[in-house]
């Protein structure tokens, strides 16, 4: 069946229901079925303790924080504030940690701090953000004049996993609306989801199979352009059979990395070397390796907040997809963030040498042990900031250290902004108050 049939259905639903708020109340807009269950539980006042209060933000409440700084370059924004940097560095544990922090509570007075920001790490699942960007980049080329049409395609186009989506231990939530039943299991080759649902599986539960499926679809979008929307599964698979492996590998590398270069993110800042599942290597090889730095990831998130990643509408939609409405882990699990909205992606990659340590544990590799967290935090009191944290601490699961550091950074930024508010109150003169000394000091 051609994808266009699904598009027609998707468009009709969008016209019928309009663009309705999500994440949680966004099922009708996106078709992401797990949102239907969460929203129904919320409407029925059914207790749900898996997510904290900060995860119930609505679509209309999600905004870009730096849209008024859109004309500023990254180099103008990412300049260390000496005092802020000294305070941040005092919080960082000993060992192989790198961090970049941007306090954007006051967009007119941004404060940036870094520690070893240009050190490269294997980004793990944080690299899936590059796939997210690739999909929106290609959709903008397919539908350059209508963002609503892009949303309709993301909701309407259904694609199957096939071998691309298999081989990952991460489960995905599969909700049966008719029978009100949620199942969590690994992706099967026969599974079919919309592009929006695959995006949700990739971001919210970090499913590697979903990332490879979307990587595949980004390649097909680039190869077939506007004809992609009518592409059948058989035509897609034939394309991979007929195209030389080196050509496919080059296309795969370009489709995820070139959009980053256009944002001023260099190869040494952040690059993605290949797909996330081994079966995908049947036709597509790896190239260049994967690397990420706190500064490179910060460059992306700042420009996302500026509305410069593809365009303002795409930037906002990507931010919505990063809004965490599933359980929080690692850095995001800090109780200090419970009331905050968080836009989050975490990644890990480790290797054990069992000869050195037969008891080498999961996420505690003794050869390498990467753990990375990128997060946008928005507190109800107005405090807003971005953190990009990367570590490689051997023989230790760093999840606790990331969570502890999250609490410390949050305390620091909250305290800094409280102090700043007090200073403003103490020095403020009402325009109609003539009690000042009149000398302009």
Protein backbone atom coordinates (compact mmCIF):
# COMPACT_ATOMS: atom_id res chain seq x y z
CA UNK A 1 0.00 0.00 0.00
CA UNK A 2 1.31 3.42 -0.86
CA UNK A 3 2.15 5.84 1.92
CA UNK A 4 -0.07 8.51 0.35
CA UNK A 5 -3.19 6.69 1.53
CA UNK A 6 -2.06 7.11 5.10
CA UNK A 7 -1.33 10.77 4.47
CA UNK A 8 -4.90 11.39 3.32
CA UNK A 9 -6.23 9.78 6.50
CA UNK A 10 -3.79 11.80 8.59
CA UNK A 11 -4.75 15.07 6.91
CA UNK A 12 -8.44 14.40 7.45
CA UNK A 13 -7.88 13.78 11.16
CA UNK A 14 -5.85 16.97 11.49
CA UNK A 15 -8.54 19.02 9.77
CA UNK A 16 -11.25 17.43 11.88
CA UNK A 17 -9.62 17.89 15.27
CA UNK A 18 -7.29 20.84 14.70
CA UNK A 19 -3.87 21.21 16.27
CA UNK A 20 -4.43 20.20 19.87
CA UNK A 21 -1.95 20.55 22.72
CA UNK A 22 0.55 17.86 23.61
CA UNK A 23 2.82 16.19 24.79
CA UNK A 24 0.35 14.31 27.02
CA UNK A 25 -2.77 15.71 25.41
CA UNK A 26 -1.33 15.42 21.91
CA UNK A 27 -2.61 12.10 20.64
CA UNK A 28 -4.98 13.65 18.10
CA UNK A 29 -2.19 15.85 16.73
CA UNK A 30 0.54 13.24 16.58
CA UNK A 31 -1.06 9.80 16.67
CA UNK A 32 1.40 8.74 19.41
CA UNK A 33 -0.80 6.19 21.17
CA UNK A 34 0.94 6.20 24.54
CA UNK A 35 -0.14 9.85 24.90
CA UNK A 36 -3.78 8.78 24.58
CA UNK A 37 -3.43 6.52 27.61
CA UNK A 38 -1.63 9.13 29.71
CA UNK A 39 -4.10 11.86 28.86
CA UNK A 40 -7.06 9.57 29.58
CA UNK A 41 -5.61 8.71 32.98
CA UNK A 42 -5.14 12.41 33.67
CA UNK A 43 -8.73 13.25 32.68
CA UNK A 44 -10.07 10.35 34.75
CA UNK A 45 -7.93 11.39 37.77
CA UNK A 46 -6.22 8.00 37.83
CA UNK A 47 -3.02 8.17 39.93
CA UNK A 48 0.14 7.73 37.85
CA UNK A 49 3.42 7.95 39.74
CA UNK A 50 5.79 7.10 36.91
CA UNK A 51 6.24 10.76 35.96
CA UNK A 52 6.61 13.84 38.23
CA UNK A 53 4.54 17.06 38.19
CA UNK A 54 6.88 18.74 35.72
CA UNK A 55 5.94 16.24 33.01
CA UNK A 56 2.37 17.50 32.60
CA UNK A 57 3.10 20.62 30.60
CA UNK A 58 0.85 21.24 27.59
CA UNK A 59 1.83 22.01 24.04
CA UNK A 60 0.79 25.64 24.25
CA UNK A 61 3.04 26.07 27.29
CA UNK A 62 6.19 24.93 25.50
CA UNK A 63 8.07 27.87 24.04
CA UNK A 64 11.50 28.66 22.61
CA UNK A 65 13.46 30.56 25.25
CA UNK A 66 15.92 32.42 23.04
CA UNK A 67 13.82 33.47 20.05
CA UNK A 68 14.54 37.10 20.91
CA UNK A 69 18.27 36.35 20.64
CA UNK A 70 18.00 34.79 17.18
CA UNK A 71 20.43 37.25 15.60
CA UNK A 72 23.19 36.44 18.08
CA UNK A 73 25.85 34.00 16.95
CA UNK A 74 26.95 31.02 19.00
CA UNK A 75 30.31 32.67 19.59
CA UNK A 76 28.54 35.69 21.07
CA UNK A 77 26.57 33.53 23.49
CA UNK A 78 29.02 30.80 24.52
CA UNK A 79 31.54 33.03 26.29
CA UNK A 80 32.49 31.94 29.79
CA UNK A 81 31.32 34.15 32.62
CA UNK A 82 34.35 33.95 34.94
CA UNK A 83 32.45 34.02 38.22
CA UNK A 84 29.80 31.56 37.05
CA UNK A 85 32.49 29.25 35.66
CA UNK A 86 34.40 29.22 38.97
CA UNK A 87 31.22 28.24 40.81
CA UNK A 88 30.40 25.46 38.33
CA UNK A 89 33.91 24.02 38.46
CA UNK A 90 33.70 23.68 42.24
CA UNK A 91 30.75 21.31 41.79
CA UNK A 92 32.30 18.91 39.29
CA UNK A 93 33.52 15.58 40.73
CA UNK A 94 37.09 14.47 40.27
CA UNK A 95 37.68 12.34 37.21
CA UNK A 96 36.92 12.44 33.54
CA UNK A 97 34.00 14.87 33.43
CA UNK A 98 33.22 17.61 30.92
CA UNK A 99 30.35 20.06 31.15
CA UNK A 100 28.80 23.13 29.54
CA UNK A 101 26.08 25.14 31.30
CA UNK A 102 24.01 28.05 30.02
CA UNK A 103 21.80 29.97 32.44
CA UNK A 104 19.08 31.56 30.30
CA UNK A 105 16.74 32.62 33.10
CA UNK A 106 17.20 36.17 31.89
CA UNK A 107 17.60 35.99 28.09
CA UNK A 108 19.06 39.50 28.11
CA UNK A 109 21.77 38.47 30.56
CA UNK A 110 22.88 34.96 29.61
CA UNK A 111 25.57 33.31 31.71
CA UNK A 112 27.74 30.51 30.32
CA UNK A 113 30.22 28.26 32.06
CA UNK A 114 32.32 25.37 30.77
CA UNK A 115 34.80 22.78 31.97
CA UNK A 116 36.77 20.77 29.40
CA UNK A 117 34.01 21.62 26.91
CA UNK A 118 35.97 20.57 23.82
CA UNK A 119 36.93 17.08 25.03
CA UNK A 120 35.39 14.43 22.78
CA UNK A 121 33.36 11.46 24.03
CA UNK A 122 31.42 8.65 22.37
CA UNK A 123 27.95 10.23 22.53
CA UNK A 124 25.93 7.01 22.66
CA UNK A 125 22.20 7.62 22.41
CA UNK A 126 22.61 11.39 22.62
CA UNK A 127 23.57 11.02 18.95
CA UNK A 128 19.93 10.20 18.20
CA UNK A 129 19.23 13.92 18.32
CA UNK A 130 21.17 14.13 15.03
CA UNK A 131 18.69 11.64 13.51
CA UNK A 132 15.80 13.73 14.86
CA UNK A 133 17.32 16.76 13.15
CA UNK A 134 17.85 14.81 9.93
CA UNK A 135 14.16 13.89 9.71
CA UNK A 136 13.02 17.48 10.16
CA UNK A 137 15.67 18.73 7.74
CA UNK A 138 14.46 16.37 5.02
CA UNK A 139 10.79 17.04 5.72
CA UNK A 140 11.45 20.75 5.20
CA UNK A 141 12.86 19.94 1.77
CA UNK A 142 9.87 17.77 0.87
CA UNK A 143 7.33 20.36 2.06
CA UNK A 144 9.15 23.71 1.96
CA UNK A 145 6.02 25.85 2.07
CA UNK A 146 3.81 24.12 4.62
CA UNK A 147 4.77 23.06 8.12
CA UNK A 148 1.24 21.72 8.67
CA UNK A 149 1.79 19.37 5.75
CA UNK A 150 5.01 18.12 7.33
CA UNK A 151 3.12 17.35 10.54
CA UNK A 152 0.47 15.49 8.54
CA UNK A 153 3.15 13.35 6.90
CA UNK A 154 4.85 12.59 10.22
CA UNK A 155 1.51 11.43 11.56
CA UNK A 156 0.20 9.76 8.44
CA UNK A 157 3.17 7.91 6.96
CA UNK A 158 3.41 4.38 8.35
CA UNK A 159 6.63 2.40 7.93
CA UNK A 160 7.58 -1.07 9.12
CA UNK A 161 10.68 -1.98 11.10
CA UNK A 162 11.89 -4.83 8.91
CA UNK A 163 15.44 -5.93 9.75
CA UNK A 164 16.48 -2.31 10.38
CA UNK A 165 14.58 -2.06 13.64
CA UNK A 166 15.58 -5.36 15.24
CA UNK A 167 18.39 -6.33 17.55
CA UNK A 168 17.88 -3.86 20.43
CA UNK A 169 17.09 -4.84 24.01
CA UNK A 170 15.22 -1.59 24.74
CA UNK A 171 11.46 -2.12 24.76
CA UNK A 172 8.84 0.21 23.27
CA UNK A 173 5.36 0.96 24.63
CA UNK A 174 2.59 -0.39 22.42
CA UNK A 175 -0.86 0.76 23.47
CA UNK A 176 -4.05 -0.88 22.22
CA UNK A 177 -6.65 1.91 22.42
CA UNK A 178 -9.64 -0.34 21.74
CA UNK A 179 -8.79 -2.78 24.54
CA UNK A 180 -7.05 -0.23 26.82
CA UNK A 181 -3.97 -2.41 27.06
CA UNK A 182 -0.32 -1.35 27.22
CA UNK A 183 2.39 -3.80 26.21
CA UNK A 184 6.12 -3.18 26.46
CA UNK A 185 8.33 -5.34 24.28
CA UNK A 186 11.23 -5.30 21.86
CA UNK A 187 10.65 -4.15 18.29
CA UNK A 188 9.79 -6.91 15.82
CA UNK A 189 10.48 -6.86 12.09
CA UNK A 190 6.73 -6.85 11.41
CA UNK A 191 6.02 -3.79 13.58
CA UNK A 192 4.58 -0.79 11.78
CA UNK A 193 4.35 2.69 13.31
CA UNK A 194 3.94 6.21 12.04
CA UNK A 195 7.02 8.40 11.72
CA UNK A 196 5.81 10.32 14.77
CA UNK A 197 5.60 7.13 16.83
CA UNK A 198 9.03 5.99 15.67
CA UNK A 199 10.37 9.42 16.73
CA UNK A 200 8.77 8.99 20.13
CA UNK A 201 10.20 5.49 20.51
CA UNK A 202 13.64 6.81 19.59
CA UNK A 203 13.61 9.76 21.98
CA UNK A 204 11.43 8.87 24.97
CA UNK A 205 12.65 5.28 25.51
CA UNK A 206 15.85 5.55 23.44
CA UNK A 207 15.10 2.55 21.27
CA UNK A 208 18.02 1.83 18.94
CA UNK A 209 15.85 0.04 16.41
CA UNK A 210 13.63 3.10 16.09
CA UNK A 211 16.73 5.23 15.52
CA UNK A 212 17.89 2.97 12.68
CA UNK A 213 14.41 2.96 11.10
CA UNK A 214 14.33 6.75 11.14
CA UNK A 215 17.91 6.94 9.88
CA UNK A 216 16.76 4.76 6.98
CA UNK A 217 13.77 6.99 6.32
CA UNK A 218 15.93 10.14 6.33
CA UNK A 219 18.11 8.51 3.67
CA UNK A 220 15.05 7.64 1.59
CA UNK A 221 13.72 11.18 1.92
CA UNK A 222 17.03 12.55 0.66
CA UNK A 223 17.17 10.05 -2.21
CA UNK A 224 13.56 10.28 -3.43
CA UNK A 225 12.75 13.86 -2.36
CA UNK A 226 9.07 14.73 -2.98
CA UNK A 227 8.42 11.20 -4.33
CA UNK A 228 9.19 9.79 -0.89
CA UNK A 229 5.59 10.26 0.26
CA UNK A 230 4.39 7.71 -2.33
CA UNK A 231 7.24 5.27 -1.81
CA UNK A 232 6.27 1.64 -1.14
CA UNK A 233 8.16 -0.73 1.12
CA UNK A 234 9.13 -2.84 -1.88
CA UNK A 235 10.55 0.18 -3.73
CA UNK A 236 12.48 1.25 -0.65
CA UNK A 237 14.09 -2.15 -0.18
CA UNK A 238 14.90 -2.38 -3.88
CA UNK A 239 16.70 0.96 -3.64
CA UNK A 240 19.00 -0.42 -0.97
CA UNK A 241 19.63 -3.57 -3.00
CA UNK A 242 20.44 -1.65 -6.19
CA UNK A 243 22.60 1.15 -4.75
CA UNK A 244 26.32 0.48 -4.15
CA UNK A 245 27.26 0.10 -0.50
CA UNK A 246 29.78 2.94 -0.55
CA UNK A 247 27.16 5.30 -2.00
CA UNK A 248 24.68 4.34 0.72
CA UNK A 249 27.32 4.82 3.41
CA UNK A 250 28.19 8.27 2.08
CA UNK A 251 24.52 9.23 1.93
CA UNK A 252 23.93 8.01 5.48
CA UNK A 253 26.88 10.04 6.72
CA UNK A 254 25.78 13.17 4.90
CA UNK A 255 22.12 13.05 5.88
CA UNK A 256 22.83 13.23 9.61
CA UNK A 257 26.03 15.28 9.66
CA UNK A 258 25.59 17.98 7.01
CA UNK A 259 22.69 19.62 8.91
CA UNK A 260 25.01 19.90 11.92
CA UNK A 261 27.73 21.55 9.82
CA UNK A 262 25.22 24.14 8.60
CA UNK A 263 24.69 25.06 12.25
CA UNK A 264 28.40 25.69 12.72
CA UNK A 265 28.92 22.40 14.56
CA UNK A 266 32.22 20.98 13.34
CA UNK A 267 33.22 17.33 12.92
CA UNK A 268 35.25 17.59 16.10
CA UNK A 269 32.27 19.13 17.93
CA UNK A 270 29.81 16.39 17.08
CA UNK A 271 29.46 13.76 14.41
CA UNK A 272 27.55 10.52 13.95
CA UNK A 273 29.36 7.62 12.31
CA UNK A 274 26.61 5.13 11.59
CA UNK A 275 23.37 3.40 12.48
CA UNK A 276 22.35 2.14 15.90
CA UNK A 277 21.63 -1.54 15.16
CA UNK A 278 23.81 -4.22 13.58
CA UNK A 279 21.24 -5.60 11.09
CA UNK A 280 21.21 -2.17 9.41
CA UNK A 281 24.82 -2.84 8.41
CA UNK A 282 23.51 -5.21 5.75
CA UNK A 283 23.62 -2.34 3.27
CA UNK A 284 24.96 0.71 5.10
CA UNK A 285 28.47 0.90 6.55
CA UNK A 286 30.00 3.17 9.17
CA UNK A 287 32.16 6.18 8.41
CA UNK A 288 34.23 8.53 10.51
CA UNK A 289 33.21 7.27 13.94
CA UNK A 290 30.97 9.05 16.43
CA UNK A 291 32.09 11.79 18.77
CA UNK A 292 30.47 14.50 20.83
CA UNK A 293 31.63 17.37 22.99
CA UNK A 294 29.67 19.44 25.51
CA UNK A 295 30.25 22.55 23.41
CA UNK A 296 29.06 20.86 20.21
CA UNK A 297 25.87 19.65 21.87
CA UNK A 298 25.37 23.04 23.50
CA UNK A 299 25.66 24.71 20.09
CA UNK A 300 22.74 22.61 18.92
CA UNK A 301 20.50 23.21 21.93
CA UNK A 302 21.12 26.95 21.96
CA UNK A 303 20.19 27.22 18.30
CA UNK A 304 17.16 25.03 18.96
CA UNK A 305 16.06 27.59 21.57
CA UNK A 306 16.75 30.38 19.07
CA UNK A 307 14.55 28.69 16.47
CA UNK A 308 17.46 28.26 14.05
CA UNK A 309 17.46 24.46 13.71
CA UNK A 310 15.79 24.07 10.30
CA UNK A 311 13.24 26.82 11.10
CA UNK A 312 11.33 28.08 14.15
CA UNK A 313 8.44 25.63 13.72
CA UNK A 314 10.76 22.63 13.39
CA UNK A 315 12.85 23.78 16.34
CA UNK A 316 9.76 23.97 18.51
CA UNK A 317 8.47 20.58 17.35
CA UNK A 318 11.83 18.95 18.08
CA UNK A 319 11.81 20.52 21.52
CA UNK A 320 8.34 19.05 22.11
CA UNK A 321 9.62 15.61 21.17
CA UNK A 322 12.47 16.01 23.66
CA UNK A 323 10.00 16.92 26.41
CA UNK A 324 10.23 13.99 28.81
CA UNK A 325 6.85 12.44 29.64
CA UNK A 326 8.26 9.02 30.46
CA UNK A 327 10.20 8.04 33.58
CA UNK A 328 13.26 10.14 34.34
CA UNK A 329 16.71 8.63 34.63
CA UNK A 330 20.28 9.67 35.43
CA UNK A 331 20.70 13.44 35.42
CA UNK A 332 16.97 14.07 34.99
CA UNK A 333 16.09 11.93 38.00
CA UNK A 334 17.23 14.55 40.52
CA UNK A 335 14.36 15.34 42.92
CA UNK A 336 15.28 19.01 42.49
CA UNK A 337 13.83 18.77 38.97
CA UNK A 338 10.52 17.11 39.86
CA UNK A 339 8.49 20.28 39.41
CA UNK A 340 10.47 21.38 36.35
CA UNK A 341 9.78 20.66 32.71
CA UNK A 342 12.79 18.83 31.29
CA UNK A 343 13.76 18.27 27.67
CA UNK A 344 16.23 15.46 27.91
CA UNK A 345 18.34 12.87 26.17
CA UNK A 346 20.81 10.54 27.81
CA UNK A 347 23.28 8.10 26.32
CA UNK A 348 25.75 5.51 27.51
CA UNK A 349 28.35 3.27 25.93
CA UNK A 350 30.66 0.97 27.86
CA UNK A 351 33.01 -1.96 27.42
CA UNK A 352 34.18 -4.57 29.91
CA UNK A 353 37.38 -6.59 29.92
CA UNK A 354 36.27 -9.73 31.78
CA UNK A 355 39.84 -10.95 32.13
CA UNK A 356 40.67 -7.91 34.23
CA UNK A 357 37.42 -8.05 36.16
CA UNK A 358 34.99 -10.96 35.72
CA UNK A 359 32.40 -8.98 37.70
CA UNK A 360 32.55 -5.88 35.50
CA UNK A 361 29.00 -4.54 35.68
CA UNK A 362 26.55 -2.96 33.27
CA UNK A 363 27.22 0.79 32.81
CA UNK A 364 30.48 0.37 34.75
CA UNK A 365 32.94 -0.55 32.02
CA UNK A 366 36.63 -0.93 32.77
CA UNK A 367 37.84 -0.27 29.20
CA UNK A 368 35.63 2.75 28.59
CA UNK A 369 32.45 3.86 30.31
CA UNK A 370 30.75 6.81 28.64
CA UNK A 371 27.65 8.38 30.15
CA UNK A 372 26.21 11.58 28.72
CA UNK A 373 23.25 13.80 29.52
CA UNK A 374 21.87 16.84 27.71
CA UNK A 375 18.98 18.69 29.27
CA UNK A 376 16.93 21.86 29.12
CA UNK A 377 15.37 22.68 32.49
CA UNK A 378 12.43 25.05 32.98
CA UNK A 379 11.25 25.71 36.54
CA UNK A 380 7.83 27.17 37.38
CA UNK A 381 9.60 30.07 39.14
CA UNK A 382 11.19 31.14 35.83
CA UNK A 383 14.65 29.61 36.21
CA UNK A 384 15.73 28.15 32.85
CA UNK A 385 19.03 26.61 31.84
CA UNK A 386 20.79 24.09 29.60
CA UNK A 387 23.36 21.51 30.72
CA UNK A 388 25.48 19.25 28.52
CA UNK A 389 27.36 16.74 30.68
CA UNK A 390 29.69 14.00 29.41
CA UNK A 391 31.78 11.58 31.46
CA UNK A 392 34.01 8.54 31.14
CA UNK A 393 34.59 7.24 34.67
CA UNK A 394 35.77 3.63 34.71
CA UNK A 395 34.41 0.88 36.96
CA UNK A 396 31.49 2.95 38.20
CA UNK A 397 27.91 3.50 37.16
CA UNK A 398 27.89 7.30 36.94
CA UNK A 399 24.10 7.67 37.04
CA UNK A 400 24.20 8.63 40.71
CA UNK A 401 26.99 11.13 40.15
CA UNK A 402 25.03 12.71 37.29
CA UNK A 403 21.93 12.97 39.48
CA UNK A 404 23.93 14.45 42.36
CA UNK A 405 25.56 17.00 40.05
CA UNK A 406 22.12 17.90 38.66
CA UNK A 407 20.97 18.85 42.17
CA UNK A 408 24.10 20.91 42.81
CA UNK A 409 23.86 22.82 39.51
CA UNK A 410 20.17 23.44 40.07
CA UNK A 411 20.86 24.81 43.56
CA UNK A 412 23.57 27.09 42.20
CA UNK A 413 21.48 28.53 39.37
CA UNK A 414 18.44 28.99 41.60
CA UNK A 415 20.55 30.75 44.24
CA UNK A 416 22.28 32.93 41.64
CA UNK A 417 18.97 34.13 40.26
CA UNK A 418 17.49 34.74 43.72
CA UNK A 419 20.55 36.87 44.54
CA UNK A 420 20.23 38.74 41.26
CA UNK A 421 16.58 39.47 41.96
CA UNK A 422 17.47 40.84 45.40
CA UNK A 423 20.10 43.10 43.88
CA UNK A 424 17.59 44.40 41.35
CA UNK A 425 15.05 45.08 44.11
CA UNK A 426 17.59 46.87 46.28
CA UNK A 427 18.84 49.15 43.52
CA UNK A 428 15.60 49.77 41.66
CA UNK A 429 14.22 53.33 41.57
CA UNK A 430 10.66 53.82 40.43
CA UNK A 431 10.61 56.34 37.54
CA UNK A 432 8.30 58.55 39.61
CA UNK A 433 10.44 58.32 42.74
CA UNK A 434 12.73 61.37 43.06
CA UNK A 435 14.50 60.11 46.18
CA UNK A 436 17.64 59.20 44.23
CA UNK A 437 20.71 61.40 44.16
CA UNK A 438 20.11 62.42 40.56
CA UNK A 439 23.69 61.87 39.41
CA UNK A 440 23.01 58.83 37.26
CA UNK A 441 24.94 56.37 39.45
